[in-house]
């Protein structure tokens, strides 16, 4: 199924993992992690990378994916493994680092982007 990807446990057992929200390719529901490309099909037969840095976990480096960082101005929202995604702050809000969310309102007198 396109909404899953495979991962190995530390003991070597193969599992089908539900695709995290941040790695689902738009309306197609294809998981950008299913073939380790971390890309989604885009217009004109091109591809686009999913947001954030995704790394495999586990001692063998073939375990489930974990979202490890997001672009500047976004943070990691990860209440469950299936809900991992980068959330971009809206205007007049800021975040100090991708692991320091949620976004905070910009203090009076300062300009936040």
N, C-alpha and C. Protein backbone atom coordinates (compact mmCIF):
# COMPACT_ATOMS: atom_id res chain seq x y z
N UNK A 1 0.83 -1.19 0.00
CA UNK A 1 0.00 0.00 0.00
C UNK A 1 0.87 1.25 0.00
N UNK A 2 0.46 2.24 -0.74
CA UNK A 2 1.25 3.45 -0.91
C UNK A 2 1.32 4.30 0.34
N UNK A 3 0.39 4.12 1.28
CA UNK A 3 0.42 4.95 2.48
C UNK A 3 1.26 4.34 3.61
N UNK A 4 2.03 3.31 3.27
CA UNK A 4 2.91 2.66 4.23
C UNK A 4 4.33 2.60 3.69
N UNK A 5 5.28 2.35 4.58
CA UNK A 5 6.66 2.08 4.18
C UNK A 5 7.18 0.96 5.07
N UNK A 6 8.22 0.29 4.64
CA UNK A 6 8.74 -0.83 5.42
C UNK A 6 9.91 -0.39 6.30
N UNK A 7 10.03 -1.06 7.43
CA UNK A 7 11.11 -0.77 8.37
C UNK A 7 11.48 -2.07 9.08
N UNK A 8 12.74 -2.16 9.48
CA UNK A 8 13.21 -3.32 10.24
C UNK A 8 13.36 -2.95 11.72
N UNK A 9 12.95 -3.86 12.58
CA UNK A 9 13.19 -3.66 14.01
C UNK A 9 14.64 -4.01 14.30
N UNK A 10 15.11 -3.69 15.51
CA UNK A 10 16.48 -4.03 15.89
C UNK A 10 16.72 -5.54 15.86
N UNK A 11 15.64 -6.32 16.01
CA UNK A 11 15.78 -7.78 15.96
C UNK A 11 15.72 -8.32 14.53
N UNK A 12 15.48 -7.43 13.55
CA UNK A 12 15.45 -7.84 12.15
C UNK A 12 14.09 -8.16 11.60
N UNK A 13 13.02 -7.95 12.38
CA UNK A 13 11.66 -8.21 11.91
C UNK A 13 11.19 -7.07 11.01
N UNK A 14 10.63 -7.43 9.86
CA UNK A 14 10.13 -6.45 8.90
C UNK A 14 8.72 -6.04 9.28
N UNK A 15 8.45 -4.72 9.27
CA UNK A 15 7.12 -4.20 9.60
C UNK A 15 6.68 -3.20 8.56
N UNK A 16 5.37 -3.10 8.38
CA UNK A 16 4.78 -2.03 7.56
C UNK A 16 4.42 -0.89 8.50
N UNK A 17 5.00 0.26 8.25
CA UNK A 17 4.77 1.43 9.11
C UNK A 17 3.83 2.39 8.41
N UNK A 18 2.89 2.96 9.17
CA UNK A 18 1.98 3.95 8.60
C UNK A 18 2.78 5.21 8.30
N UNK A 19 2.54 5.81 7.15
CA UNK A 19 3.28 6.99 6.72
C UNK A 19 2.98 8.18 7.62
N UNK A 20 3.99 8.87 8.13
CA UNK A 20 3.76 10.07 8.93
C UNK A 20 3.09 11.16 8.07
N UNK A 21 2.25 11.97 8.69
CA UNK A 21 1.51 13.02 8.00
C UNK A 21 2.41 13.90 7.13
N UNK A 22 3.58 14.26 7.63
CA UNK A 22 4.48 15.15 6.90
C UNK A 22 5.17 14.52 5.71
N UNK A 23 5.01 13.21 5.52
CA UNK A 23 5.65 12.53 4.39
C UNK A 23 4.64 12.04 3.35
N UNK A 24 3.36 12.40 3.53
CA UNK A 24 2.32 12.02 2.58
C UNK A 24 2.32 13.03 1.44
N UNK A 25 2.31 12.54 0.22
CA UNK A 25 2.35 13.39 -0.97
C UNK A 25 0.95 13.88 -1.36
N UNK A 26 0.54 15.00 -0.84
CA UNK A 26 -0.71 15.65 -1.25
C UNK A 26 -1.90 14.73 -1.36
N UNK A 27 -2.71 14.95 -2.39
CA UNK A 27 -3.95 14.19 -2.57
C UNK A 27 -3.71 12.75 -2.98
N UNK A 28 -2.53 12.43 -3.49
CA UNK A 28 -2.27 11.07 -3.97
C UNK A 28 -2.18 10.07 -2.82
N UNK A 29 -1.90 10.55 -1.60
CA UNK A 29 -1.74 9.71 -0.42
C UNK A 29 -0.55 8.75 -0.53
N UNK A 30 0.33 8.97 -1.49
CA UNK A 30 1.54 8.16 -1.62
C UNK A 30 2.52 8.61 -0.54
N UNK A 31 3.19 7.66 0.08
CA UNK A 31 4.18 7.96 1.12
C UNK A 31 5.54 8.19 0.46
N UNK A 32 6.12 9.37 0.66
CA UNK A 32 7.42 9.69 0.07
C UNK A 32 8.55 8.87 0.69
N UNK A 33 8.26 8.14 1.76
CA UNK A 33 9.28 7.32 2.42
C UNK A 33 9.24 5.87 1.94
N UNK A 34 8.26 5.50 1.12
CA UNK A 34 8.10 4.08 0.75
C UNK A 34 9.27 3.54 -0.08
N UNK A 35 9.95 4.41 -0.80
CA UNK A 35 11.11 3.96 -1.58
C UNK A 35 12.40 4.67 -1.16
N UNK A 36 12.37 5.30 0.00
CA UNK A 36 13.51 6.03 0.57
C UNK A 36 13.92 7.26 -0.24
N UNK A 37 13.13 7.66 -1.25
CA UNK A 37 13.50 8.82 -2.06
C UNK A 37 13.23 10.14 -1.34
N UNK A 38 12.23 10.15 -0.47
CA UNK A 38 11.79 11.35 0.24
C UNK A 38 11.33 12.42 -0.73
N UNK A 39 10.75 12.00 -1.87
CA UNK A 39 10.27 12.94 -2.88
C UNK A 39 8.86 12.58 -3.30
N UNK A 40 8.13 13.61 -3.75
CA UNK A 40 6.78 13.44 -4.28
C UNK A 40 6.78 13.82 -5.76
N UNK A 41 5.91 13.17 -6.52
CA UNK A 41 5.77 13.53 -7.93
C UNK A 41 5.18 14.94 -8.00
N UNK A 42 5.67 15.72 -8.94
CA UNK A 42 5.20 17.10 -9.13
C UNK A 42 4.84 17.29 -10.61
N UNK A 43 4.43 18.49 -10.95
CA UNK A 43 4.05 18.79 -12.34
C UNK A 43 5.24 18.59 -13.28
N UNK A 44 4.95 18.39 -14.55
CA UNK A 44 5.96 18.25 -15.60
C UNK A 44 6.92 17.08 -15.36
N UNK A 45 6.42 16.01 -14.77
CA UNK A 45 7.23 14.80 -14.51
C UNK A 45 8.44 15.07 -13.63
N UNK A 46 8.41 16.12 -12.85
CA UNK A 46 9.50 16.41 -11.93
C UNK A 46 9.14 15.88 -10.54
N UNK A 47 10.02 16.07 -9.59
CA UNK A 47 9.75 15.66 -8.22
C UNK A 47 10.05 16.83 -7.29
N UNK A 48 9.51 16.76 -6.08
CA UNK A 48 9.81 17.75 -5.06
C UNK A 48 10.06 17.01 -3.75
N UNK A 49 11.02 17.49 -3.00
CA UNK A 49 11.36 16.87 -1.72
C UNK A 49 10.29 17.19 -0.68
N UNK A 50 10.06 16.26 0.23
CA UNK A 50 9.15 16.55 1.33
C UNK A 50 9.86 17.48 2.32
N UNK A 51 9.07 18.16 3.16
CA UNK A 51 9.65 19.10 4.11
C UNK A 51 10.34 18.37 5.25
N UNK A 52 11.44 18.95 5.69
CA UNK A 52 12.14 18.44 6.85
C UNK A 52 13.22 17.43 6.52
N UNK A 53 13.97 17.09 7.55
CA UNK A 53 15.02 16.08 7.45
C UNK A 53 14.50 14.82 8.14
N UNK A 54 14.39 13.76 7.37
CA UNK A 54 13.90 12.47 7.87
C UNK A 54 15.05 11.49 7.92
N UNK A 55 15.23 10.84 9.08
CA UNK A 55 16.32 9.88 9.23
C UNK A 55 15.78 8.57 9.80
N UNK A 56 16.37 7.48 9.34
CA UNK A 56 16.01 6.16 9.85
C UNK A 56 16.56 6.00 11.27
N UNK A 57 15.83 5.30 12.10
CA UNK A 57 16.26 5.00 13.46
C UNK A 57 16.70 3.54 13.52
N UNK A 58 17.07 3.09 14.70
CA UNK A 58 17.45 1.70 14.90
C UNK A 58 18.94 1.49 14.78
N UNK A 59 19.41 0.42 15.41
CA UNK A 59 20.84 0.14 15.40
C UNK A 59 21.35 -0.21 14.01
N UNK A 60 20.48 -0.74 13.16
CA UNK A 60 20.90 -1.10 11.81
C UNK A 60 20.62 0.01 10.78
N UNK A 61 20.06 1.13 11.23
CA UNK A 61 19.77 2.25 10.32
C UNK A 61 18.66 1.96 9.32
N UNK A 62 17.85 0.94 9.59
CA UNK A 62 16.74 0.59 8.70
C UNK A 62 15.42 0.56 9.45
N UNK A 63 15.39 1.21 10.63
CA UNK A 63 14.17 1.26 11.44
C UNK A 63 13.22 2.33 10.95
N UNK A 64 12.20 2.63 11.73
CA UNK A 64 11.22 3.64 11.35
C UNK A 64 11.88 5.01 11.15
N UNK A 65 11.27 5.83 10.29
CA UNK A 65 11.76 7.18 10.08
C UNK A 65 11.36 8.09 11.23
N UNK A 66 12.21 9.06 11.51
CA UNK A 66 11.95 10.08 12.51
C UNK A 66 12.26 11.44 11.88
N UNK A 67 11.36 12.38 12.05
CA UNK A 67 11.59 13.74 11.58
C UNK A 67 12.55 14.40 12.55
N UNK A 68 13.73 14.82 12.08
CA UNK A 68 14.76 15.33 12.98
C UNK A 68 14.94 16.84 12.96
N UNK A 69 14.52 17.50 11.87
CA UNK A 69 14.59 18.96 11.84
C UNK A 69 13.70 19.50 10.72
N UNK A 70 13.39 20.79 10.84
CA UNK A 70 12.56 21.49 9.86
C UNK A 70 13.29 22.76 9.43
N UNK A 71 12.81 23.36 8.36
CA UNK A 71 13.42 24.60 7.87
C UNK A 71 13.24 25.72 8.90
N UNK A 72 14.01 26.77 8.73
CA UNK A 72 13.91 27.93 9.61
C UNK A 72 12.48 28.45 9.58
N UNK A 73 11.95 28.79 10.76
CA UNK A 73 10.58 29.31 10.85
C UNK A 73 9.53 28.23 10.98
N UNK A 74 9.96 26.97 11.16
CA UNK A 74 9.03 25.86 11.33
C UNK A 74 9.51 24.98 12.49
N UNK A 75 8.58 24.20 13.03
CA UNK A 75 8.95 23.30 14.13
C UNK A 75 8.37 21.91 13.89
N UNK A 76 8.91 20.94 14.60
CA UNK A 76 8.46 19.56 14.50
C UNK A 76 7.24 19.37 15.38
N UNK A 77 6.12 19.01 14.75
CA UNK A 77 4.90 18.65 15.46
C UNK A 77 4.84 17.13 15.45
N UNK A 78 4.92 16.51 16.61
CA UNK A 78 5.04 15.06 16.65
C UNK A 78 4.35 14.45 17.87
N UNK A 79 3.01 14.60 17.97
CA UNK A 79 2.33 13.99 19.11
C UNK A 79 2.34 12.46 19.07
N UNK A 80 2.41 11.90 17.85
CA UNK A 80 2.53 10.45 17.65
C UNK A 80 3.44 10.24 16.44
N UNK A 81 4.02 9.05 16.27
CA UNK A 81 4.86 8.81 15.08
C UNK A 81 4.11 9.06 13.77
N UNK A 82 2.82 8.74 13.71
CA UNK A 82 2.05 8.93 12.49
C UNK A 82 1.73 10.40 12.22
N UNK A 83 1.84 11.26 13.22
CA UNK A 83 1.48 12.67 13.07
C UNK A 83 2.69 13.58 12.85
N UNK A 84 3.89 13.02 12.71
CA UNK A 84 5.08 13.85 12.53
C UNK A 84 4.95 14.73 11.29
N UNK A 85 5.23 16.02 11.45
CA UNK A 85 5.22 16.95 10.33
C UNK A 85 5.90 18.25 10.75
N UNK A 86 6.35 19.03 9.76
CA UNK A 86 6.87 20.36 10.01
C UNK A 86 5.70 21.34 9.94
N UNK A 87 5.59 22.20 10.93
CA UNK A 87 4.55 23.23 10.95
C UNK A 87 5.23 24.58 10.85
N UNK A 88 4.87 25.35 9.83
CA UNK A 88 5.47 26.67 9.61
C UNK A 88 4.72 27.71 10.43
N UNK A 89 5.47 28.59 11.10
CA UNK A 89 4.86 29.65 11.89
C UNK A 89 4.20 30.67 10.96
N UNK A 90 3.08 31.21 11.40
CA UNK A 90 2.40 32.25 10.63
C UNK A 90 3.10 33.59 10.85
N UNK A 91 2.71 34.58 10.09
CA UNK A 91 3.33 35.90 10.22
C UNK A 91 3.14 36.42 11.66
N UNK A 92 4.09 37.20 12.11
CA UNK A 92 4.13 37.78 13.46
C UNK A 92 4.31 36.72 14.54
N UNK A 93 4.82 35.54 14.16
CA UNK A 93 5.13 34.49 15.11
C UNK A 93 6.55 34.00 14.85
N UNK A 94 7.16 33.34 15.83
CA UNK A 94 8.52 32.85 15.67
C UNK A 94 8.68 31.54 16.44
N UNK A 95 9.75 30.85 16.12
CA UNK A 95 10.15 29.65 16.85
C UNK A 95 11.68 29.68 16.89
N UNK A 96 12.26 29.33 18.02
CA UNK A 96 13.71 29.42 18.19
C UNK A 96 14.47 28.26 17.54
N UNK A 97 13.81 27.14 17.33
CA UNK A 97 14.43 25.98 16.71
C UNK A 97 13.38 24.95 16.38
N UNK A 98 13.70 24.05 15.44
CA UNK A 98 12.68 23.10 14.99
C UNK A 98 12.22 22.15 16.09
N UNK A 99 13.01 22.00 17.15
CA UNK A 99 12.59 21.13 18.25
C UNK A 99 12.09 21.94 19.45
N UNK A 100 11.83 23.24 19.24
CA UNK A 100 11.41 24.12 20.33
C UNK A 100 10.04 24.74 20.10
N UNK A 101 9.16 24.06 19.36
CA UNK A 101 7.81 24.57 19.08
C UNK A 101 6.96 24.49 20.32
N UNK A 102 5.79 25.05 20.28
CA UNK A 102 5.13 25.65 19.12
C UNK A 102 5.56 27.09 18.88
N UNK A 103 4.97 27.69 17.85
CA UNK A 103 5.27 29.08 17.51
C UNK A 103 4.80 30.00 18.62
N UNK A 104 5.53 31.08 18.79
CA UNK A 104 5.18 32.08 19.81
C UNK A 104 4.90 33.41 19.13
N UNK A 105 4.04 34.20 19.74
CA UNK A 105 3.71 35.53 19.22
C UNK A 105 4.92 36.44 19.37
N UNK A 106 5.20 37.20 18.33
CA UNK A 106 6.33 38.12 18.34
C UNK A 106 6.11 39.20 19.40
N UNK A 107 7.10 39.48 20.24
CA UNK A 107 6.94 40.49 21.28
C UNK A 107 6.70 41.88 20.67
N UNK A 108 5.95 42.74 21.38
CA UNK A 108 5.70 44.10 20.88
C UNK A 108 7.01 44.83 20.61
N UNK A 109 7.06 45.57 19.50
CA UNK A 109 8.23 46.34 19.15
C UNK A 109 9.26 45.58 18.32
N UNK A 110 9.11 44.28 18.16
CA UNK A 110 10.03 43.49 17.37
C UNK A 110 9.36 43.03 16.08
N UNK A 111 10.14 42.74 15.07
CA UNK A 111 9.62 42.27 13.80
C UNK A 111 10.02 40.81 13.61
N UNK A 112 9.03 39.95 13.45
CA UNK A 112 9.27 38.53 13.24
C UNK A 112 8.81 38.16 11.83
N UNK A 113 9.53 37.23 11.22
CA UNK A 113 9.20 36.79 9.86
C UNK A 113 8.82 35.34 9.85
